[in-house]
PDB file of N, CA and C in Angstrom:
ATOM      1  N   MET A   1       0.986  -1.261   0.208  1.00  0.00           N
ATOM      2  CA  MET A   1      -0.008   0.047  -0.016  1.00  0.00           C
ATOM      3  C   MET A   1       0.701   1.281  -0.105  1.00  0.00           C
ATOM      4  N   LYS A   2       0.598   2.223  -0.953  1.00  0.00           N
ATOM      5  CA  LYS A   2       1.410   3.248  -0.992  1.00  0.00           C
ATOM      6  C   LYS A   2       0.597   4.339   0.105  1.00  0.00           C
ATOM      7  N   ILE A   3       1.494   5.317   0.585  1.00  0.00           N
ATOM      8  CA  ILE A   3       1.237   6.278   1.438  1.00  0.00           C
ATOM      9  C   ILE A   3       0.864   7.428   0.734  1.00  0.00           C
ATOM     10  N   THR A   4      -0.263   7.996   0.915  1.00  0.00           N
ATOM     11  CA  THR A   4      -0.676   9.278   0.381  1.00  0.00           C
ATOM     12  C   THR A   4      -1.200  10.571   1.399  1.00  0.00           C
ATOM     13  N   GLN A   5      -1.309  11.746   1.100  1.00  0.00           N
ATOM     14  CA  GLN A   5      -1.910  12.460   1.859  1.00  0.00           C
ATOM     15  C   GLN A   5      -3.246  12.104   2.155  1.00  0.00           C
ATOM     16  N   ASN A   6      -3.796  11.396   1.422  1.00  0.00           N
ATOM     17  CA  ASN A   6      -5.298  11.328   2.075  1.00  0.00           C
ATOM     18  C   ASN A   6      -5.338   9.950   3.076  1.00  0.00           C
ATOM     19  N   ASN A   7      -4.392   8.954   2.814  1.00  0.00           N
ATOM     20  CA  ASN A   7      -4.365   7.901   3.909  1.00  0.00           C
ATOM     21  C   ASN A   7      -3.699   7.583   4.848  1.00  0.00           C
ATOM     22  N   ALA A   8      -2.694   8.718   5.189  1.00  0.00           N
ATOM     23  CA  ALA A   8      -1.781   8.522   6.106  1.00  0.00           C
ATOM     24  C   ALA A   8      -1.353  10.078   6.478  1.00  0.00           C
ATOM     25  N   THR A   9      -1.955  10.686   7.052  1.00  0.00           N
ATOM     26  CA  THR A   9      -1.332  12.178   7.451  1.00  0.00           C
ATOM     27  C   THR A   9      -0.872  12.350   8.755  1.00  0.00           C
ATOM     28  N   SER A  10      -0.839  11.164   9.759  1.00  0.00           N
ATOM     29  CA  SER A  10      -0.474  11.344  11.029  1.00  0.00           C
ATOM     30  C   SER A  10       0.854  10.909  11.194  1.00  0.00           C
ATOM     31  N   LEU A  11       1.672  11.502  11.760  1.00  0.00           N
ATOM     32  CA  LEU A  11       3.066  10.962  12.356  1.00  0.00           C
ATOM     33  C   LEU A  11       3.092   9.505  12.677  1.00  0.00           C
ATOM     34  N   LYS A  12       1.971   8.914  13.663  1.00  0.00           N
ATOM     35  CA  LYS A  12       1.936   7.287  13.838  1.00  0.00           C
ATOM     36  C   LYS A  12       1.759   6.593  12.425  1.00  0.00           C
ATOM     37  N   ASP A  13       0.917   6.935  11.581  1.00  0.00           N
ATOM     38  CA  ASP A  13       0.652   6.412  10.287  1.00  0.00           C
ATOM     39  C   ASP A  13       1.802   6.205   9.636  1.00  0.00           C
ATOM     40  N   LYS A  14       2.745   7.348   9.455  1.00  0.00           N
ATOM     41  CA  LYS A  14       3.915   7.665   8.249  1.00  0.00           C
ATOM     42  C   LYS A  14       4.896   6.753   9.062  1.00  0.00           C
ATOM     43  N   TRP A  15       5.215   6.499  10.379  1.00  0.00           N
ATOM     44  CA  TRP A  15       6.171   5.837  11.149  1.00  0.00           C
ATOM     45  C   TRP A  15       5.988   4.619  10.883  1.00  0.00           C
ATOM     46  N   ASP A  16       4.874   4.065  11.000  1.00  0.00           N
ATOM     47  CA  ASP A  16       4.446   2.817  11.173  1.00  0.00           C
ATOM     48  C   ASP A  16       4.852   2.015   9.489  1.00  0.00           C
ATOM     49  N   TYR A  17       4.480   2.915   8.478  1.00  0.00           N
ATOM     50  CA  TYR A  17       4.727   2.442   7.305  1.00  0.00           C
ATOM     51  C   TYR A  17       6.149   2.499   7.173  1.00  0.00           C
ATOM     52  N   LEU A  18       6.955   3.667   7.486  1.00  0.00           N
ATOM     53  CA  LEU A  18       8.350   3.619   7.401  1.00  0.00           C
ATOM     54  C   LEU A  18       9.036   2.312   8.019  1.00  0.00           C
ATOM     55  N   VAL A  19       8.829   2.060   9.204  1.00  0.00           N
ATOM     56  CA  VAL A  19       9.395   1.190   9.861  1.00  0.00           C
ATOM     57  C   VAL A  19       9.017  -0.224   8.990  1.00  0.00           C
ATOM     58  N   LYS A  20       7.919  -0.421   8.561  1.00  0.00           N
ATOM     59  CA  LYS A  20       7.430  -1.901   7.843  1.00  0.00           C
ATOM     60  C   LYS A  20       8.520  -1.759   6.692  1.00  0.00           C
ATOM     61  N   LYS A  21       8.120  -0.688   6.050  1.00  0.00           N
ATOM     62  CA  LYS A  21       9.203  -0.870   4.538  1.00  0.00           C
ATOM     63  C   LYS A  21      10.607  -0.820   4.770  1.00  0.00           C
ATOM     64  N   LEU A  22      11.423  -0.448   5.721  1.00  0.00           N
ATOM     65  CA  LEU A  22      12.617  -0.344   6.100  1.00  0.00           C
ATOM     66  C   LEU A  22      13.150  -1.768   6.238  1.00  0.00           C
ATOM     67  N   THR A  23      12.203  -2.011   7.447  1.00  0.00           N
ATOM     68  CA  THR A  23      12.328  -3.730   7.806  1.00  0.00           C
ATOM     69  C   THR A  23      12.248  -4.458   6.744  1.00  0.00           C
ATOM     70  N   GLN A  24      11.573  -4.456   5.941  1.00  0.00           N
ATOM     71  CA  GLN A  24      11.179  -5.386   4.846  1.00  0.00           C
ATOM     72  C   GLN A  24      12.598  -5.434   3.954  1.00  0.00           C
ATOM     73  N   GLN A  25      12.810  -4.267   3.873  1.00  0.00           N
ATOM     74  CA  GLN A  25      14.203  -3.902   2.745  1.00  0.00           C
ATOM     75  C   GLN A  25      15.613  -4.184   3.427  1.00  0.00           C
ATOM     76  N   PHE A  26      15.715  -4.071   4.877  1.00  0.00           N
ATOM     77  CA  PHE A  26      16.979  -3.838   5.336  1.00  0.00           C
ATOM     78  C   PHE A  26      17.507  -4.822   6.599  1.00  0.00           C
ATOM     79  N   SER A  27      16.241  -5.366   7.133  1.00  0.00           N
ATOM     80  CA  SER A  27      16.205  -6.312   8.236  1.00  0.00           C
ATOM     81  C   SER A  27      16.310  -7.685   7.964  1.00  0.00           C
ATOM     82  N   GLU A  28      16.900  -8.557   8.652  1.00  0.00           N
ATOM     83  CA  GLU A  28      16.737 -10.078   8.695  1.00  0.00           C
ATOM     84  C   GLU A  28      16.007 -10.575   9.652  1.00  0.00           C
ATOM     85  N   GLY A  29      14.591 -10.168   9.538  1.00  0.00           N
ATOM     86  CA  GLY A  29      13.468 -10.599  10.564  1.00  0.00           C
ATOM     87  C   GLY A  29      13.219 -10.041  11.686  1.00  0.00           C
ATOM     88  N   ASP A  30      14.124  -9.059  12.317  1.00  0.00           N
ATOM     89  CA  ASP A  30      13.733  -8.088  13.448  1.00  0.00           C
ATOM     90  C   ASP A  30      13.536  -6.789  12.825  1.00  0.00           C
ATOM     91  N   VAL A  31      12.334  -6.345  13.399  1.00  0.00           N
ATOM     92  CA  VAL A  31      11.551  -5.065  13.064  1.00  0.00           C
ATOM     93  C   VAL A  31      12.739  -3.843  13.685  1.00  0.00           C
ATOM     94  N   LEU A  32      12.951  -3.253  12.684  1.00  0.00           N
ATOM     95  CA  LEU A  32      14.005  -2.326  12.796  1.00  0.00           C
ATOM     96  C   LEU A  32      13.341  -1.034  13.992  1.00  0.00           C
ATOM     97  N   ASN A  33      14.042  -0.501  14.836  1.00  0.00           N
ATOM     98  CA  ASN A  33      13.741   0.351  15.828  1.00  0.00           C
ATOM     99  C   ASN A  33      14.216   1.705  15.633  1.00  0.00           C
ATOM    100  N   LEU A  34      14.070   2.788  16.201  1.00  0.00           N
ATOM    101  CA  LEU A  34      14.484   3.872  15.985  1.00  0.00           C
ATOM    102  C   LEU A  34      15.976   4.265  15.910  1.00  0.00           C
ATOM    103  N   ASP A  35      16.645   3.480  16.693  1.00  0.00           N
ATOM    104  CA  ASP A  35      18.337   3.525  16.589  1.00  0.00           C
ATOM    105  C   ASP A  35      18.775   2.982  15.090  1.00  0.00           C
ATOM    106  N   GLY A  36      18.031   1.935  14.748  1.00  0.00           N
ATOM    107  CA  GLY A  36      18.201   1.117  13.651  1.00  0.00           C
ATOM    108  C   GLY A  36      18.004   2.005  12.394  1.00  0.00           C
ATOM    109  N   ILE A  37      17.005   2.700  12.313  1.00  0.00           N
ATOM    110  CA  ILE A  37      16.624   3.406  11.089  1.00  0.00           C
ATOM    111  C   ILE A  37      17.726   4.712  11.248  1.00  0.00           C
ATOM    112  N   ILE A  38      18.053   5.044  12.176  1.00  0.00           N
ATOM    113  CA  ILE A  38      18.973   6.262  12.396  1.00  0.00           C
ATOM    114  C   ILE A  38      20.496   5.605  11.762  1.00  0.00           C
ATOM    115  N   TYR A  39      20.976   4.432  12.283  1.00  0.00           N
ATOM    116  CA  TYR A  39      21.766   4.114  11.780  1.00  0.00           C
ATOM    117  C   TYR A  39      22.040   3.915  10.346  1.00  0.00           C
ATOM    118  N   LEU A  40      20.910   3.380   9.624  1.00  0.00           N
ATOM    119  CA  LEU A  40      20.769   3.246   8.167  1.00  0.00           C
ATOM    120  C   LEU A  40      20.903   4.771   7.547  1.00  0.00           C
ATOM    121  N   ILE A  41      20.594   5.828   8.093  1.00  0.00           N
ATOM    122  CA  ILE A  41      20.538   7.153   7.580  1.00  0.00           C
ATOM    123  C   ILE A  41      21.986   7.455   7.587  1.00  0.00           C
ATOM    124  N   GLY A  42      22.951   7.169   8.686  1.00  0.00           N
ATOM    125  CA  GLY A  42      24.214   7.395   8.783  1.00  0.00           C
ATOM    126  C   GLY A  42      25.098   6.278   7.883  1.00  0.00           C
ATOM    127  N   VAL A  43      24.443   5.525   7.560  1.00  0.00           N
ATOM    128  CA  VAL A  43      25.296   4.691   6.492  1.00  0.00           C
ATOM    129  C   VAL A  43      25.091   5.300   5.170  1.00  0.00           C
ATOM    130  N   GLN A  44      23.914   5.754   4.728  1.00  0.00           N
ATOM    131  CA  GLN A  44      23.504   6.412   3.499  1.00  0.00           C
ATOM    132  C   GLN A  44      24.285   7.512   3.531  1.00  0.00           C
ATOM    133  N   GLU A  45      24.226   8.592   4.436  1.00  0.00           N
ATOM    134  CA  GLU A  45      25.213   9.836   4.233  1.00  0.00           C
ATOM    135  C   GLU A  45      26.475   9.683   4.150  1.00  0.00           C
ATOM    136  N   LEU A  46      27.028   8.615   4.864  1.00  0.00           N
ATOM    137  CA  LEU A  46      28.411   8.516   4.746  1.00  0.00           C
ATOM    138  C   LEU A  46      28.838   8.214   2.997  1.00  0.00           C
ATOM    139  N   GLY A  47      27.987   7.312   2.618  1.00  0.00           N
ATOM    140  CA  GLY A  47      27.889   7.053   1.202  1.00  0.00           C
ATOM    141  C   GLY A  47      29.155   6.193   0.636  1.00  0.00           C
ATOM    142  N   GLN A  48      29.606   5.436   1.502  1.00  0.00           N
ATOM    143  CA  GLN A  48      30.550   4.321   1.464  1.00  0.00           C
ATOM    144  C   GLN A  48      30.055   2.935   1.093  1.00  0.00           C
ATOM    145  N   GLY A  49      28.687   2.767   1.023  1.00  0.00           N
ATOM    146  CA  GLY A  49      28.248   1.703   0.620  1.00  0.00           C
ATOM    147  C   GLY A  49      28.151   0.754   2.156  1.00  0.00           C
ATOM    148  N   LYS A  50      27.731  -0.785   1.819  1.00  0.00           N
ATOM    149  CA  LYS A  50      27.637  -1.416   2.698  1.00  0.00           C
ATOM    150  C   LYS A  50      28.998  -2.224   3.123  1.00  0.00           C
ATOM    151  N   ARG A  51      29.392  -1.962   4.203  1.00  0.00           N
ATOM    152  CA  ARG A  51      30.574  -2.647   5.016  1.00  0.00           C
ATOM    153  C   ARG A  51      30.440  -2.651   6.272  1.00  0.00           C
ATOM    154  N   GLN A  52      31.245  -3.405   6.888  1.00  0.00           N
ATOM    155  CA  GLN A  52      31.509  -3.928   8.301  1.00  0.00           C
ATOM    156  C   GLN A  52      32.282  -2.381   8.869  1.00  0.00           C
ATOM    157  N   PHE A  53      31.430  -1.901   9.963  1.00  0.00           N
ATOM    158  CA  PHE A  53      32.115  -0.852  10.712  1.00  0.00           C
ATOM    159  C   PHE A  53      32.586  -1.320  11.956  1.00  0.00           C
ATOM    160  N   LYS A  54      33.439  -0.517  12.542  1.00  0.00           N
ATOM    161  CA  LYS A  54      33.893  -0.839  13.817  1.00  0.00           C
ATOM    162  C   LYS A  54      32.841  -0.147  14.918  1.00  0.00           C
ATOM    163  N   LYS A  55      33.019  -0.490  16.289  1.00  0.00           N
ATOM    164  CA  LYS A  55      32.202  -0.025  17.202  1.00  0.00           C
ATOM    165  C   LYS A  55      32.226   1.566  17.150  1.00  0.00           C
ATOM    166  N   ASP A  56      33.313   2.424  17.167  1.00  0.00           N
ATOM    167  CA  ASP A  56      33.289   3.631  17.049  1.00  0.00           C
ATOM    168  C   ASP A  56      32.726   4.359  16.124  1.00  0.00           C
ATOM    169  N   GLU A  57      33.003   3.669  14.799  1.00  0.00           N
ATOM    170  CA  GLU A  57      32.412   4.335  13.583  1.00  0.00           C
ATOM    171  C   GLU A  57      30.789   3.677  13.620  1.00  0.00           C
ATOM    172  N   LYS A  58      30.269   3.173  14.144  1.00  0.00           N
ATOM    173  CA  LYS A  58      28.816   2.715  14.457  1.00  0.00           C
ATOM    174  C   LYS A  58      28.424   4.295  15.193  1.00  0.00           C
ATOM    175  N   VAL A  59      29.167   4.431  16.238  1.00  0.00           N
ATOM    176  CA  VAL A  59      28.782   5.541  16.802  1.00  0.00           C
ATOM    177  C   VAL A  59      28.717   6.999  16.034  1.00  0.00           C
ATOM    178  N   ASN A  60      29.773   6.880  15.298  1.00  0.00           N
ATOM    179  CA  ASN A  60      30.131   8.208  14.332  1.00  0.00           C
ATOM    180  C   ASN A  60      28.808   8.088  13.306  1.00  0.00           C
ATOM    181  N   LEU A  61      28.338   7.132  12.928  1.00  0.00           N
ATOM    182  CA  LEU A  61      27.527   6.963  11.913  1.00  0.00           C
ATOM    183  C   LEU A  61      26.132   7.555  12.489  1.00  0.00           C
ATOM    184  N   MET A  62      25.804   7.074  13.618  1.00  0.00           N
ATOM    185  CA  MET A  62      24.554   7.535  14.420  1.00  0.00           C
ATOM    186  C   MET A  62      24.771   9.203  14.685  1.00  0.00           C
ATOM    187  N   HIS A  63      25.732   9.690  14.725  1.00  0.00           N
ATOM    188  CA  HIS A  63      26.051  11.114  14.903  1.00  0.00           C
ATOM    189  C   HIS A  63      25.944  11.785  13.722  1.00  0.00           C
ATOM    190  N   ILE A  64      26.386  11.263  12.620  1.00  0.00           N
ATOM    191  CA  ILE A  64      25.892  12.092  11.389  1.00  0.00           C
ATOM    192  C   ILE A  64      24.679  12.189  10.797  1.00  0.00           C
ATOM    193  N   ALA A  65      23.938  10.718  11.153  1.00  0.00           N
ATOM    194  CA  ALA A  65      22.450  10.891  10.951  1.00  0.00           C
ATOM    195  C   ALA A  65      21.771  11.758  11.700  1.00  0.00           C
ATOM    196  N   ILE A  66      21.957  11.864  12.850  1.00  0.00           N
ATOM    197  CA  ILE A  66      21.463  13.077  13.649  1.00  0.00           C
ATOM    198  C   ILE A  66      21.483  14.337  13.463  1.00  0.00           C
ATOM    199  N   CYS A  67      22.831  14.787  13.144  1.00  0.00           N
ATOM    200  CA  CYS A  67      23.038  15.774  12.519  1.00  0.00           C
ATOM    201  C   CYS A  67      22.431  16.347  11.170  1.00  0.00           C
ATOM    202  N   LYS A  68      22.438  15.055  10.630  1.00  0.00           N
ATOM    203  CA  LYS A  68      21.770  15.472   8.983  1.00  0.00           C
ATOM    204  C   LYS A  68      20.177  15.712   9.274  1.00  0.00           C
ATOM    205  N   LEU A  69      19.696  14.745   9.976  1.00  0.00           N
ATOM    206  CA  LEU A  69      18.331  14.893  10.258  1.00  0.00           C
ATOM    207  C   LEU A  69      17.760  16.168  11.090  1.00  0.00           C
ATOM    208  N   LEU A  70      18.499  16.492  11.977  1.00  0.00           N
ATOM    209  CA  LEU A  70      18.505  18.053  12.661  1.00  0.00           C
ATOM    210  C   LEU A  70      18.966  19.319  11.885  1.00  0.00           C
ATOM    211  N   GLU A  71      19.692  18.884  10.752  1.00  0.00           N
ATOM    212  CA  GLU A  71      20.028  20.329  10.239  1.00  0.00           C
ATOM    213  C   GLU A  71      18.683  21.175   9.535  1.00  0.00           C
ATOM    214  N   PRO A  72      17.701  20.530   9.055  1.00  0.00           N
ATOM    215  CA  PRO A  72      16.586  21.526   8.728  1.00  0.00           C
ATOM    216  C   PRO A  72      15.693  22.239   9.833  1.00  0.00           C
ATOM    217  N   TYR A  73      16.226  21.860  11.018  1.00  0.00           N
ATOM    218  CA  TYR A  73      15.421  22.444  12.143  1.00  0.00           C
ATOM    219  C   TYR A  73      16.487  23.525  12.864  1.00  0.00           C
ATOM    220  N   GLY A  74      17.640  23.717  12.128  1.00  0.00           N
ATOM    221  CA  GLY A  74      18.820  24.596  12.635  1.00  0.00           C
ATOM    222  C   GLY A  74      19.480  24.609  13.308  1.00  0.00           C
ATOM    223  N   TYR A  75      19.464  23.134  14.049  1.00  0.00           N
ATOM    224  CA  TYR A  75      20.624  22.633  15.143  1.00  0.00           C
ATOM    225  C   TYR A  75      22.050  22.530  14.791  1.00  0.00           C
ATOM    226  N   TYR A  76      22.023  22.103  13.616  1.00  0.00           N
ATOM    227  CA  TYR A  76      23.565  21.732  12.809  1.00  0.00           C
ATOM    228  C   TYR A  76      23.566  22.364  11.523  1.00  0.00           C
ATOM    229  N   GLU A  77      24.654  22.326  10.712  1.00  0.00           N
ATOM    230  CA  GLU A  77      24.946  22.854   9.553  1.00  0.00           C
ATOM    231  C   GLU A  77      26.324  22.175   9.120  1.00  0.00           C
ATOM    232  N   PHE A  78      26.125  21.449   7.926  1.00  0.00           N
ATOM    233  CA  PHE A  78      26.994  20.852   7.374  1.00  0.00           C
ATOM    234  C   PHE A  78      28.426  21.548   7.315  1.00  0.00           C
ATOM    235  N   ASP A  79      29.613  20.989   7.459  1.00  0.00           N
ATOM    236  CA  ASP A  79      30.924  21.956   7.399  1.00  0.00           C
ATOM    237  C   ASP A  79      31.741  21.324   6.502  1.00  0.00           C
ATOM    238  N   TYR A  80      32.236  20.216   6.523  1.00  0.00           N
ATOM    239  CA  TYR A  80      33.164  19.500   5.754  1.00  0.00           C
ATOM    240  C   TYR A  80      33.192  18.175   5.435  1.00  0.00           C
ATOM    241  N   PHE A  81      33.765  17.452   4.540  1.00  0.00           N
ATOM    242  CA  PHE A  81      34.081  16.107   4.751  1.00  0.00           C
ATOM    243  C   PHE A  81      35.768  16.103   4.924  1.00  0.00           C
ATOM    244  N   ASP A  82      36.203  15.101   5.952  1.00  0.00           N
ATOM    245  CA  ASP A  82      37.282  14.946   6.321  1.00  0.00           C
ATOM    246  C   ASP A  82      38.239  13.915   5.022  1.00  0.00           C
ATOM    247  N   LYS A  83      39.451  13.623   5.145  1.00  0.00           N
ATOM    248  CA  LYS A  83      40.370  13.186   4.198  1.00  0.00           C
ATOM    249  C   LYS A  83      39.793  11.658   3.983  1.00  0.00           C
ATOM    250  N   ASP A  84      38.982  10.910   5.037  1.00  0.00           N
ATOM    251  CA  ASP A  84      38.187   9.883   4.806  1.00  0.00           C
ATOM    252  C   ASP A  84      36.797   9.666   4.041  1.00  0.00           C
ATOM    253  N   GLY A  85      36.568  10.970   3.594  1.00  0.00           N
ATOM    254  CA  GLY A  85      35.229  11.222   3.036  1.00  0.00           C
ATOM    255  C   GLY A  85      33.898  10.889   4.361  1.00  0.00           C
ATOM    256  N   TRP A  86      34.479  11.158   5.603  1.00  0.00           N
ATOM    257  CA  TRP A  86      33.270  11.552   6.951  1.00  0.00           C
ATOM    258  C   TRP A  86      32.779  12.865   6.629  1.00  0.00           C
ATOM    259  N   PRO A  87      31.663  13.005   6.771  1.00  0.00           N
ATOM    260  CA  PRO A  87      31.080  14.473   6.980  1.00  0.00           C
ATOM    261  C   PRO A  87      31.035  14.999   8.195  1.00  0.00           C
ATOM    262  N   HIS A  88      31.236  16.152   8.219  1.00  0.00           N
ATOM    263  CA  HIS A  88      31.344  16.847   9.884  1.00  0.00           C
ATOM    264  C   HIS A  88      30.408  17.980   9.973  1.00  0.00           C
ATOM    265  N   TYR A  89      29.729  18.017  10.774  1.00  0.00           N
ATOM    266  CA  TYR A  89      28.876  19.219  11.206  1.00  0.00           C
ATOM    267  C   TYR A  89      29.198  20.300  12.001  1.00  0.00           C
ATOM    268  N   ARG A  90      28.752  21.214  12.260  1.00  0.00           N
ATOM    269  CA  ARG A  90      29.003  21.924  13.419  1.00  0.00           C
ATOM    270  C   ARG A  90      27.246  22.708  13.987  1.00  0.00           C
ATOM    271  N   ILE A  91      27.651  22.578  15.276  1.00  0.00           N
ATOM    272  CA  ILE A  91      26.392  22.989  15.987  1.00  0.00           C
ATOM    273  C   ILE A  91      26.202  24.677  15.621  1.00  0.00           C
ATOM    274  N   LEU A  92      24.808  24.673  15.377  1.00  0.00           N
ATOM    275  CA  LEU A  92      24.498  26.255  15.237  1.00  0.00           C
ATOM    276  C   LEU A  92      23.749  26.849  16.481  1.00  0.00           C
ATOM    277  N   THR A  93      22.963  25.799  16.967  1.00  0.00           N
ATOM    278  CA  THR A  93      22.130  26.208  18.261  1.00  0.00           C
ATOM    279  C   THR A  93      22.125  24.734  19.275  1.00  0.00           C
ATOM    280  N   ASP A  94      22.177  24.836  20.516  1.00  0.00           N
ATOM    281  CA  ASP A  94      21.927  23.769  21.253  1.00  0.00           C
ATOM    282  C   ASP A  94      20.489  23.270  21.451  1.00  0.00           C
ATOM    283  N   LEU A  95      20.700  21.911  21.515  1.00  0.00           N
ATOM    284  CA  LEU A  95      19.136  21.184  21.425  1.00  0.00           C
ATOM    285  C   LEU A  95      18.646  21.540  22.429  1.00  0.00           C
ATOM    286  N   PRO A  96      17.173  21.673  22.610  1.00  0.00           N
ATOM    287  CA  PRO A  96      16.387  22.083  23.889  1.00  0.00           C
ATOM    288  C   PRO A  96      16.482  20.927  24.754  1.00  0.00           C
ATOM    289  N   ASN A  97      16.384  21.024  25.976  1.00  0.00           N
ATOM    290  CA  ASN A  97      16.174  20.012  26.882  1.00  0.00           C
ATOM    291  C   ASN A  97      14.800  19.497  26.894  1.00  0.00           C
ATOM    292  N   LEU A  98      14.785  18.218  26.355  1.00  0.00           N
ATOM    293  CA  LEU A  98      13.727  17.242  25.809  1.00  0.00           C
ATOM    294  C   LEU A  98      13.497  16.165  27.009  1.00  0.00           C
ATOM    295  N   LYS A  99      12.134  15.925  27.315  1.00  0.00           N
ATOM    296  CA  LYS A  99      12.238  14.639  27.818  1.00  0.00           C
ATOM    297  C   LYS A  99      12.480  13.424  26.896  1.00  0.00           C
ATOM    298  N   PRO A 100      12.785  12.263  27.432  1.00  0.00           N
ATOM    299  CA  PRO A 100      13.004  10.983  26.453  1.00  0.00           C
ATOM    300  C   PRO A 100      11.737  10.847  25.314  1.00  0.00           C
ATOM    301  N   GLY A 101      10.559  11.181  25.858  1.00  0.00           N
ATOM    302  CA  GLY A 101       9.439  10.835  24.867  1.00  0.00           C
ATOM    303  C   GLY A 101       9.389  12.098  24.023  1.00  0.00           C
ATOM    304  N   GLU A 102       9.696  13.159  24.262  1.00  0.00           N
ATOM    305  CA  GLU A 102       9.727  14.450  23.406  1.00  0.00           C
ATOM    306  C   GLU A 102      10.944  14.319  22.091  1.00  0.00           C
ATOM    307  N   GLN A 103      11.863  13.662  22.846  1.00  0.00           N
ATOM    308  CA  GLN A 103      13.317  13.285  22.081  1.00  0.00           C
ATOM    309  C   GLN A 103      12.624  12.259  20.711  1.00  0.00           C
ATOM    310  N   THR A 104      12.142  11.220  21.230  1.00  0.00           N
ATOM    311  CA  THR A 104      11.542  10.158  20.351  1.00  0.00           C
ATOM    312  C   THR A 104      10.571  10.613  19.196  1.00  0.00           C
ATOM    313  N   VAL A 105       9.831  11.730  19.332  1.00  0.00           N
ATOM    314  CA  VAL A 105       8.740  12.269  18.640  1.00  0.00           C
ATOM    315  C   VAL A 105       9.572  12.975  17.750  1.00  0.00           C
ATOM    316  N   LEU A 106      10.512  14.049  18.239  1.00  0.00           N
ATOM    317  CA  LEU A 106      11.471  14.878  17.307  1.00  0.00           C
ATOM    318  C   LEU A 106      12.259  14.197  16.607  1.00  0.00           C
ATOM    319  N   MET A 107      12.703  12.872  16.502  1.00  0.00           N
ATOM    320  CA  MET A 107      13.426  11.951  16.194  1.00  0.00           C
ATOM    321  C   MET A 107      12.516  11.437  14.931  1.00  0.00           C
ATOM    322  N   LYS A 108      11.736  10.947  15.191  1.00  0.00           N
ATOM    323  CA  LYS A 108      10.597  10.355  14.076  1.00  0.00           C
ATOM    324  C   LYS A 108      10.359  11.293  13.382  1.00  0.00           C
ATOM    325  N   GLU A 109       9.702  12.416  13.702  1.00  0.00           N
ATOM    326  CA  GLU A 109       9.322  13.584  12.768  1.00  0.00           C
ATOM    327  C   GLU A 109      10.664  13.824  11.909  1.00  0.00           C
ATOM    328  N   ALA A 110      11.681  14.221  12.240  1.00  0.00           N
ATOM    329  CA  ALA A 110      12.943  14.252  11.373  1.00  0.00           C
ATOM    330  C   ALA A 110      12.795  13.236  10.566  1.00  0.00           C
ATOM    331  N   LEU A 111      12.972  12.028  10.803  1.00  0.00           N
ATOM    332  CA  LEU A 111      13.049  10.690   9.756  1.00  0.00           C
ATOM    333  C   LEU A 111      12.133  10.907   8.947  1.00  0.00           C
ATOM    334  N   ILE A 112      10.730  11.145   9.291  1.00  0.00           N
ATOM    335  CA  ILE A 112       9.647  11.256   8.176  1.00  0.00           C
ATOM    336  C   ILE A 112      10.055  12.478   7.254  1.00  0.00           C
ATOM    337  N   ASN A 113      10.376  13.294   7.768  1.00  0.00           N
ATOM    338  CA  ASN A 113      10.793  14.768   7.083  1.00  0.00           C
ATOM    339  C   ASN A 113      11.730  14.143   6.033  1.00  0.00           C
ATOM    340  N   TYR A 114      12.744  13.897   6.323  1.00  0.00           N
ATOM    341  CA  TYR A 114      14.062  13.193   5.577  1.00  0.00           C
ATOM    342  C   TYR A 114      13.729  12.383   4.455  1.00  0.00           C
ATOM    343  N   PHE A 115      12.753  11.306   4.982  1.00  0.00           N
ATOM    344  CA  PHE A 115      12.181  10.586   3.698  1.00  0.00           C
ATOM    345  C   PHE A 115      11.221  11.081   2.835  1.00  0.00           C
ATOM    346  N   GLU A 116      10.337  12.005   3.041  1.00  0.00           N
ATOM    347  CA  GLU A 116       9.713  12.899   2.406  1.00  0.00           C
ATOM    348  C   GLU A 116      10.518  13.812   1.483  1.00  0.00           C
ATOM    349  N   THR A 117      11.526  14.170   1.528  1.00  0.00           N
ATOM    350  CA  THR A 117      12.632  14.749   0.680  1.00  0.00           C
ATOM    351  C   THR A 117      12.802  13.756  -0.179  1.00  0.00           C
ATOM    352  N   LEU A 118      12.577  12.799  -0.124  1.00  0.00           N
ATOM    353  CA  LEU A 118      13.256  11.314  -0.953  1.00  0.00           C
ATOM    354  C   LEU A 118      11.835  10.571  -1.603  1.00  0.00           C
ATOM    355  N   ASP A 119      10.752  11.561  -1.718  1.00  0.00           N
ATOM    356  CA  ASP A 119       9.720  10.973  -2.190  1.00  0.00           C
ATOM    357  C   ASP A 119       9.389   9.206  -1.602  1.00  0.00           C
ATOM    358  N   PHE A 120       9.750   8.992  -0.495  1.00  0.00           N
ATOM    359  CA  PHE A 120       9.624   7.753   0.030  1.00  0.00           C
ATOM    360  C   PHE A 120       8.112   7.528   0.266  1.00  0.00           C
ATOM    361  N   PHE A 121       7.146   8.268   0.473  1.00  0.00           N
ATOM    362  CA  PHE A 121       5.712   8.175   0.693  1.00  0.00           C
ATOM    363  C   PHE A 121       5.034   8.185  -0.187  1.00  0.00           C
ATOM    364  N   LYS A 122       5.444   8.277  -1.606  1.00  0.00           N
ATOM    365  CA  LYS A 122       4.434   8.266  -2.663  1.00  0.00           C
ATOM    366  C   LYS A 122       4.123   7.247  -3.554  1.00  0.00           C
TER     367      LYS A 122
END
């Protein structure tokens, strides 16, 4: 089923669709959670394809994704690529102090916005 403006306007509907489609495409059985989807964005934004990442690289991938996802909100700005091709961002404004539930909602909204720019829901 394709998501359209008419049949999925809520954050929850779009989130459920996103999780379902990405789980089908990238998971080997387990349903992807928020962190798993953020990790996928990090790999995508790094642009080096599928490969094995070290533990510290996985943390850096998550950071890349969070910066990319929150860039449209004015929290981060792309700065440069280092010699290994890893993107670096600079902080424009500090993130507000959010409760864990509020953080989750912000990240889900940012992920949906990211995928909307890719026409994922059409």
